[in-house]
Protein backbone atom coordinates (compact mmCIF):
# COMPACT_ATOMS: atom_id res chain seq x y z
CA MET A 1 77.72 71.30 99.60
CA THR A 2 79.23 74.19 101.58
CA VAL A 3 79.49 77.77 100.38
CA ASN A 4 83.25 77.38 100.05
CA GLU A 5 82.87 74.25 97.89
CA GLN A 6 80.34 75.97 95.63
CA VAL A 7 82.58 79.00 95.16
CA THR A 8 85.63 76.83 94.60
CA GLN A 9 83.80 74.94 91.87
CA GLN A 10 82.79 78.20 90.21
CA LEU A 11 86.38 79.49 90.34
CA GLU A 12 87.76 76.26 88.89
CA THR A 13 85.34 76.39 85.97
CA VAL A 14 85.70 80.10 85.22
CA ASN A 15 87.03 80.77 81.74
CA PHE A 16 90.21 82.64 82.58
CA PRO A 17 91.49 84.76 79.71
CA THR A 18 94.96 83.97 78.45
CA PRO A 19 97.60 86.22 80.03
CA PRO A 20 98.32 89.31 77.94
CA VAL A 21 101.48 88.44 76.02
CA ILE A 22 102.85 91.92 76.42
CA VAL A 23 102.45 91.79 80.22
CA VAL A 24 104.29 88.48 80.40
CA ARG A 25 107.10 89.93 78.30
CA MET A 26 107.26 93.12 80.37
CA VAL A 27 107.44 91.09 83.59
CA GLN A 28 110.41 89.23 82.12
CA LEU A 29 112.14 92.41 80.96
CA LEU A 30 111.60 94.30 84.21
CA ALA A 31 113.22 91.45 86.13
CA GLN A 32 116.45 92.19 84.25
CA ASP A 33 119.05 94.83 84.97
CA ASN A 34 119.75 97.67 82.55
CA ILE A 35 116.65 97.26 80.41
CA THR A 36 116.88 99.40 77.25
CA SER A 37 114.32 101.43 75.34
CA GLU A 38 115.00 99.23 72.29
CA GLU A 39 114.06 96.10 74.26
CA ILE A 40 110.84 97.73 75.40
CA GLY A 41 110.15 98.81 71.84
CA ALA A 42 110.53 95.21 70.66
CA ALA A 43 108.07 94.06 73.34
CA MET A 44 105.59 96.77 72.38
CA ALA A 45 105.66 95.50 68.80
CA LEU A 46 103.60 92.58 70.13
CA ASP A 47 100.58 94.87 70.49
CA ALA A 48 100.05 97.67 67.97
CA SER A 49 97.08 99.13 69.87
CA MET A 50 99.11 99.28 73.08
CA ALA A 51 101.99 100.94 71.25
CA ALA A 52 99.60 103.60 69.94
CA ARG A 53 98.33 104.31 73.47
CA VAL A 54 101.86 104.63 74.82
CA LEU A 55 102.73 107.06 72.04
CA HIS A 56 99.61 109.04 72.85
CA LEU A 57 100.58 109.23 76.53
CA ALA A 58 104.12 110.30 75.64
CA ASN A 59 102.83 113.10 73.45
CA SER A 60 100.22 114.14 76.02
CA VAL A 61 102.96 114.90 78.54
CA ALA A 62 105.11 116.79 76.06
CA VAL A 63 106.57 120.02 77.35
CA GLY A 64 105.98 123.19 75.33
CA GLY A 65 108.14 123.14 72.24
CA SER A 66 108.85 119.43 72.44
CA THR A 67 108.90 117.54 69.18
CA GLN A 68 106.28 114.91 68.37
CA VAL A 69 107.12 111.42 69.64
CA GLU A 70 106.92 108.92 66.78
CA SER A 71 108.52 105.73 68.11
CA ILE A 72 108.38 103.62 71.27
CA PRO A 73 112.09 104.13 72.08
CA GLU A 74 111.44 107.87 71.91
CA ALA A 75 108.38 107.42 74.13
CA VAL A 76 110.50 105.59 76.69
CA LEU A 77 112.94 108.50 76.73
CA ARG A 78 110.03 110.97 77.09
CA VAL A 79 108.08 109.33 79.93
CA GLY A 80 110.68 106.89 81.24
CA VAL A 81 110.62 103.13 81.66
CA ASP A 82 108.30 103.54 84.65
CA GLY A 83 105.75 105.51 82.67
CA VAL A 84 105.67 102.99 79.84
CA ARG A 85 105.47 100.13 82.32
CA ASP A 86 102.52 101.74 84.10
CA ILE A 87 100.37 102.15 81.04
CA VAL A 88 101.27 98.74 79.58
CA PHE A 89 100.29 96.92 82.76
CA ALA A 90 97.16 98.95 83.40
CA LEU A 91 95.84 98.82 79.84
CA ALA A 92 96.59 95.14 79.35
CA MET A 93 95.06 94.03 82.64
CA VAL A 94 91.97 96.21 82.25
CA GLY A 95 91.52 94.82 78.76
CA ALA A 96 91.89 91.23 79.93
CA MET A 97 89.83 91.45 83.12
CA ARG A 98 87.73 94.61 83.11
CA PRO A 99 85.27 94.39 86.03
CA ALA A 100 81.56 94.19 85.26
CA HIS A 101 80.17 94.81 88.75
CA PHE A 102 82.32 97.57 90.24
CA ASP A 103 84.10 100.74 89.14
CA TYR A 104 87.52 99.92 87.73
CA ARG A 105 88.92 103.46 88.19
CA PRO A 106 89.30 103.49 92.00
CA PHE A 107 90.42 99.87 91.75
CA TRP A 108 93.29 100.68 89.37
CA ARG A 109 94.10 103.94 91.14
CA HIS A 110 94.56 101.94 94.35
CA SER A 111 96.57 99.27 92.52
CA LEU A 112 98.91 101.83 90.98
CA ALA A 113 99.28 103.60 94.33
CA VAL A 114 100.22 100.35 96.07
CA ALA A 115 102.78 99.64 93.34
CA PHE A 116 104.35 103.10 93.79
CA THR A 117 104.27 102.81 97.57
CA ALA A 118 105.86 99.37 97.56
CA GLN A 119 108.74 100.80 95.56
CA ALA A 120 109.06 103.77 97.93
CA LEU A 121 109.14 101.40 100.90
CA GLN A 122 111.72 99.22 99.21
CA ALA A 123 114.00 102.24 98.80
CA ARG A 124 113.71 102.93 102.55
CA ALA A 125 114.02 99.33 103.79
CA LEU A 126 117.30 99.25 105.70
CA LYS A 127 117.37 95.46 105.92
CA LEU A 128 117.28 94.93 102.14
CA THR A 129 120.67 94.28 100.60
CA GLU A 130 119.34 94.70 97.06
CA PRO A 131 116.06 95.77 95.41
CA PHE A 132 113.56 93.29 94.01
CA PRO A 133 112.43 94.14 90.45
CA GLU A 134 109.16 92.25 91.07
CA THR A 135 108.04 94.74 93.75
CA TYR A 136 106.16 97.00 91.35
CA ALA A 137 104.30 94.16 89.62
CA GLY A 138 103.43 92.62 92.99
CA GLY A 139 101.87 95.89 94.10
CA LEU A 140 99.98 96.43 90.87
CA LEU A 141 98.56 92.89 90.77
CA HIS A 142 97.88 92.37 94.49
CA ASP A 143 94.09 92.76 94.21
CA LEU A 144 93.77 90.93 90.91
CA GLY A 145 91.57 88.38 92.68
CA MET A 146 88.78 90.95 92.90
CA LEU A 147 88.57 90.83 89.11
CA VAL A 148 88.61 87.03 89.21
CA LEU A 149 85.75 86.88 91.73
CA ASP A 150 83.81 89.52 89.79
CA ARG A 151 84.16 87.46 86.62
CA ALA A 152 83.32 84.16 88.31
CA LEU A 153 80.49 85.21 90.64
CA GLY A 154 78.91 88.25 88.99
CA ASP A 155 76.10 89.82 91.02
CA ARG A 156 76.97 87.68 94.01
CA TYR A 157 80.34 89.36 94.30
CA ARG A 158 78.73 92.77 93.95
CA GLU A 159 76.68 91.89 97.04
CA VAL A 160 79.93 91.12 98.89
CA LEU A 161 81.38 94.49 97.89
CA ASP A 162 78.18 96.27 98.92
CA VAL A 163 78.27 94.67 102.38
CA ALA A 164 81.93 95.61 102.85
CA ARG A 165 81.20 99.18 101.73
CA THR A 166 78.11 99.76 103.85
CA THR A 167 79.61 98.23 107.00
CA SER A 168 83.14 99.71 106.54
CA ARG A 169 84.60 96.30 107.31
CA PRO A 170 87.67 94.68 105.76
CA LEU A 171 86.77 93.17 102.41
CA LEU A 172 88.74 90.03 103.27
CA ASP A 173 86.54 89.35 106.32
CA VAL A 174 83.31 89.83 104.37
CA GLU A 175 84.53 87.58 101.56
CA HIS A 176 85.30 84.78 103.99
CA GLU A 177 81.90 85.11 105.68
CA MET A 178 79.91 85.19 102.46
CA LEU A 179 82.06 83.10 100.12
CA GLY A 180 84.41 80.99 102.22
CA THR A 181 87.40 82.27 100.25
CA ASP A 182 88.94 85.66 99.39
CA HIS A 183 90.37 87.75 96.58
CA ALA A 184 93.98 87.05 97.63
CA GLN A 185 93.51 83.31 97.11
CA ALA A 186 91.64 83.85 93.84
CA GLY A 187 94.31 86.20 92.49
CA GLY A 188 97.12 83.86 93.42
CA ARG A 189 95.33 81.02 91.67
CA MET A 190 95.00 83.07 88.49
CA LEU A 191 98.69 83.93 88.43
CA GLN A 192 99.45 80.22 88.88
CA VAL A 193 97.27 79.43 85.87
CA TRP A 194 99.11 82.15 83.97
CA ARG A 195 102.46 80.65 85.07
CA PHE A 196 103.72 83.90 86.53
CA PRO A 197 106.88 83.82 88.69
CA GLN A 198 106.32 82.26 92.11
CA ILE A 199 107.48 85.42 93.86
CA LEU A 200 104.47 87.26 92.35
CA VAL A 201 102.08 84.39 93.10
CA ASP A 202 103.22 84.57 96.72
CA ALA A 203 102.88 88.36 96.91
CA VAL A 204 99.29 88.23 95.66
CA THR A 205 98.24 85.14 97.66
CA HIS A 206 99.66 86.33 100.98
CA HIS A 207 99.50 90.12 100.80
CA HIS A 208 97.05 90.15 103.72
CA ARG A 209 99.06 87.59 105.72
CA PRO A 210 102.75 88.37 105.10
CA TRP A 211 103.86 86.39 108.17
CA VAL A 212 102.84 83.21 106.30
CA SER A 213 105.31 84.11 103.57
CA GLY A 214 109.07 84.27 103.67
CA GLN A 215 109.19 86.69 100.74
CA VAL A 216 110.32 90.30 101.14
CA VAL A 217 108.19 91.40 98.19
CA THR A 218 105.07 90.07 99.92
CA ARG A 219 105.87 92.12 103.03
CA LEU A 220 106.48 95.24 100.95
CA VAL A 221 103.15 94.82 99.18
CA HIS A 222 101.34 94.20 102.47
CA LEU A 223 102.79 97.34 104.03
CA ALA A 224 102.09 99.39 100.91
CA ASP A 225 98.49 98.18 100.82
CA PHE A 226 98.07 99.16 104.47
CA ALA A 227 99.61 102.61 103.90
CA CYS A 228 97.35 103.39 100.95
CA ASN A 229 94.16 102.14 102.65
CA HIS A 230 95.11 104.01 105.82
CA GLN A 231 95.19 107.23 103.79
CA GLY A 232 91.93 106.53 101.96
CA ILE A 233 93.54 105.48 98.68
CA HIS A 234 91.41 102.35 98.48
CA HIS A 235 89.64 100.33 95.78
CA GLY A 236 86.20 101.64 96.63
CA THR A 237 85.12 99.70 99.72
CA GLY A 238 86.01 102.54 102.09
CA TYR A 239 87.89 100.63 104.79
CA PHE A 240 90.52 102.65 106.69
CA PRO A 241 92.80 100.37 108.77
CA GLU A 242 94.34 101.99 111.83
CA ARG A 243 97.26 99.67 112.49
CA CYS A 244 99.67 97.34 110.75
CA ASP A 245 101.47 94.38 112.32
CA PRO A 246 104.69 95.88 113.77
CA ARG A 247 106.60 92.76 112.75
CA VAL A 248 106.43 93.88 109.12
CA TRP A 249 107.97 97.28 109.86
CA ASP A 250 110.70 95.64 111.92
CA GLU A 251 111.51 92.90 109.42
CA LEU A 252 112.01 95.46 106.65
CA GLY A 253 113.90 97.94 108.81
CA ILE A 254 111.44 100.79 108.22
CA ALA A 255 110.26 103.08 111.02
CA ALA A 256 106.48 103.50 111.27
CA GLY A 257 107.15 107.20 111.79
CA GLU A 258 108.23 107.45 108.16
CA LEU A 259 104.70 106.72 106.94
CA PRO A 260 103.58 110.39 106.54
CA GLN A 261 106.59 111.19 104.35
CA ILE A 262 106.07 108.02 102.32
CA ILE A 263 102.44 108.94 101.71
CA THR A 264 103.45 112.46 100.67
CA GLU A 265 105.72 110.94 98.04
CA VAL A 266 102.99 108.60 96.86
CA GLN A 267 100.41 111.38 96.62
CA SER A 268 102.71 113.22 94.23
CA GLU A 269 103.06 110.04 92.17
CA LEU A 270 99.29 109.66 91.91
CA ALA A 271 99.31 112.36 89.25
CA ARG A 272 101.04 109.76 87.08
CA ALA A 273 98.39 107.22 87.99
CA GLU A 274 95.67 109.62 86.87
CA ALA A 275 97.46 110.08 83.53
CA VAL A 276 97.56 106.31 83.06
CA LEU A 277 93.88 105.97 83.90
CA ALA A 278 93.02 108.78 81.50
CA ALA A 279 94.86 106.91 78.77
CA THR A 280 92.79 103.77 79.41
């Protein structure tokens, strides 16, 4: 039996947790136009603990003299739909798939940064006729397969991460050498099991090979992942790519020269990521 067959068997038998109900509902809501604070409040009622954390975050960012936030609709008004979305996704996914063999903080910091960056790129993409509401979720979930492999393989996956870190090589290459598969495939498989929208399955499965996909969201996530890794906002393996396939820039209608300004915007947004991580 080959390494790939052994790993595939382990992945197929891993006991995937059920998808967090609140994440599924938030994905559905965020795909709609004109989402309201009342609709988010109704979704938050699915998870009392999550609602309490969101209220805590809303009150933690209160400006001097601000009144105490006591309801989810008020929290949405205080921190915005984006702020509530960030903490719901991060808390729910960490709770469902918290890694056992690597530090989750740089992992989620990178994931949040890629989500922010993908949105910033989408706003600049001249060849997009309309925005895709799935862009944020695609960025946040793009490395979900690392959690899947961590859960399925345990110490063996920690060895993969150690090799990638000590050699400063792309994690994807090391995974293929040592496992015969990679985190993109594993993450895509999990989202299929969870019955997530195909556009998100595609973004996760192909975020390292966007030319295989015909989806704009996949290309946005790929470019965002490159931009964050290029600037050292990575998930802990320490790989700093120098170049990105120029086809991706061209297909989106974004000039590579805009990257420094995009990163400046993302760096300012990372303060929000740190607040989310603190709340977890």
